[in-house]
Amino acid sequence: MRPESEASLVTESVAELIALGAAMAANNEEAFQRHNFRLHKLGIPREDRIQAVNIALQVKMAPHRNLVEMAEAYLTGGAEPEGGCCGGECDCAGEEAAGSCCGGDEGCGCGH
């Protein structure tokens, strides 16, 4: 617990910047507009709002970048798929476990 004499780093402005970034990451246009308006009224410079949005986009796009890198490795880099149809984390990779992950009827391509 913080001593009473120590000020919080999360001021109203910081909380609104966090909320702006969260709205952006969540694709929530209404929340983005609301928090951007509040930040404008608080006198927060546009550059700070842009920085909050850019941070949110970096976080949001990380899984996308990872997926693109994986696809590039498999499709253009010569990497071979490992494991089963579900990314190697299930039991469908072995013939003895045929269809155990999905029952073989969900069009997953495992052929079982």
Protein backbone atom coordinates (compact mmCIF):
# COMPACT_ATOMS: atom_id res chain seq x y z
CA MET A 1 0.00 0.00 0.00
CA ARG A 2 1.24 3.47 -0.88
CA PRO A 3 1.92 5.98 1.90
CA GLU A 4 -0.52 8.91 1.92
CA SER A 5 2.30 11.37 1.21
CA GLU A 6 3.24 9.61 -2.04
CA ALA A 7 1.28 10.75 -5.09
CA SER A 8 -0.15 8.20 -7.49
CA LEU A 9 1.41 7.96 -10.92
CA VAL A 10 -2.01 7.17 -12.36
CA THR A 11 -3.55 10.60 -12.59
CA GLU A 12 -6.84 11.31 -14.34
CA SER A 13 -4.89 12.15 -17.49
CA VAL A 14 -2.84 8.94 -17.37
CA ALA A 15 -5.98 6.88 -16.78
CA GLU A 16 -7.62 8.50 -19.80
CA LEU A 17 -4.53 7.80 -21.95
CA ILE A 18 -4.65 4.16 -20.86
CA ALA A 19 -8.36 4.03 -21.66
CA LEU A 20 -7.74 5.61 -25.07
CA GLY A 21 -5.19 2.93 -25.89
CA ALA A 22 -7.47 0.18 -24.60
CA ALA A 23 -10.33 1.50 -26.73
CA MET A 24 -8.08 1.44 -29.77
CA ALA A 25 -6.88 -2.09 -29.07
CA ALA A 26 -10.48 -3.23 -28.54
CA ASN A 27 -11.73 -1.65 -31.79
CA ASN A 28 -14.21 0.33 -29.71
CA GLU A 29 -14.90 3.49 -31.70
CA GLU A 30 -17.37 4.94 -29.19
CA ALA A 31 -14.95 4.53 -26.27
CA PHE A 32 -12.11 5.95 -28.36
CA GLN A 33 -14.14 9.07 -29.14
CA ARG A 34 -15.21 9.48 -25.51
CA HIS A 35 -11.68 9.19 -24.09
CA ASN A 36 -10.15 11.32 -26.84
CA PHE A 37 -12.70 14.04 -26.05
CA ARG A 38 -11.94 13.82 -22.32
CA LEU A 39 -8.20 14.05 -23.01
CA HIS A 40 -8.77 17.07 -25.23
CA LYS A 41 -10.78 18.74 -22.45
CA LEU A 42 -7.98 17.94 -19.97
CA GLY A 43 -5.54 19.75 -22.27
CA ILE A 44 -3.50 16.66 -23.15
CA PRO A 45 -1.51 17.37 -26.32
CA ARG A 46 -2.37 15.50 -29.50
CA GLU A 47 1.17 14.06 -29.58
CA ASP A 48 0.59 12.29 -26.25
CA ARG A 49 -2.69 10.86 -27.52
CA ILE A 50 -0.94 9.67 -30.68
CA GLN A 51 1.74 8.00 -28.56
CA ALA A 52 -0.92 6.17 -26.52
CA VAL A 53 -2.59 4.95 -29.72
CA ASN A 54 0.73 3.82 -31.20
CA ILE A 55 1.59 1.83 -28.07
CA ALA A 56 -1.84 0.17 -28.17
CA LEU A 57 -1.39 -0.71 -31.84
CA GLN A 58 2.03 -2.24 -31.17
CA VAL A 59 0.53 -4.46 -28.48
CA LYS A 60 -2.49 -5.33 -30.60
CA MET A 61 -0.46 -6.16 -33.70
CA ALA A 62 2.07 -8.45 -31.96
CA PRO A 63 0.00 -11.64 -32.52
CA HIS A 64 -0.57 -10.59 -36.14
CA ARG A 65 3.17 -10.10 -36.70
CA ASN A 66 3.89 -13.49 -35.12
CA LEU A 67 1.33 -15.20 -37.36
CA VAL A 68 2.72 -13.50 -40.48
CA GLU A 69 6.25 -14.57 -39.54
CA MET A 70 5.09 -18.16 -39.01
CA ALA A 71 3.26 -18.19 -42.35
CA GLU A 72 6.32 -16.79 -44.11
CA ALA A 73 8.52 -19.46 -42.51
CA TYR A 74 6.22 -22.25 -43.66
CA LEU A 75 5.32 -20.92 -47.08
CA THR A 76 8.47 -19.18 -48.27
CA GLY A 77 11.22 -20.16 -45.86
CA GLY A 78 11.10 -23.91 -46.29
CA ALA A 79 9.95 -24.75 -42.76
CA GLU A 80 7.86 -27.90 -42.53
CA PRO A 81 4.74 -28.21 -40.36
CA GLU A 82 5.21 -30.10 -37.12
CA GLY A 83 2.75 -32.14 -35.12
CA GLY A 84 -0.88 -32.53 -35.96
CA CYS A 85 -3.49 -30.48 -37.71
CA CYS A 86 -4.00 -28.30 -34.65
CA GLY A 87 -0.47 -26.91 -34.54
CA GLY A 88 1.30 -29.81 -32.91
CA GLU A 89 -0.24 -29.46 -29.46
CA CYS A 90 -2.80 -32.23 -29.78
CA ASP A 91 -2.77 -36.00 -30.15
CA CYS A 92 -3.93 -36.09 -33.77
CA ALA A 93 -0.35 -36.23 -35.09
CA GLY A 94 -0.01 -39.98 -34.68
CA GLU A 95 -1.87 -42.58 -36.67
CA GLU A 96 -2.95 -44.29 -33.44
CA ALA A 97 -4.63 -41.08 -32.31
CA ALA A 98 -6.47 -40.48 -35.56
CA GLY A 99 -9.14 -37.84 -35.10
CA SER A 100 -8.76 -37.61 -31.33
CA CYS A 101 -8.53 -33.82 -31.35
CA CYS A 102 -11.56 -33.05 -33.44
CA GLY A 103 -13.28 -36.31 -34.18
CA GLY A 104 -12.13 -35.99 -37.76
CA ASP A 105 -15.34 -34.30 -38.84
CA GLU A 106 -14.60 -30.61 -38.48
CA GLY A 107 -12.84 -30.11 -41.80
CA CYS A 108 -9.52 -29.53 -40.10
CA GLY A 109 -7.59 -31.34 -42.80
CA CYS A 110 -6.14 -34.07 -40.63
CA GLY A 111 -7.79 -36.67 -42.84
CA HIS A 112 -9.06 -38.73 -39.93
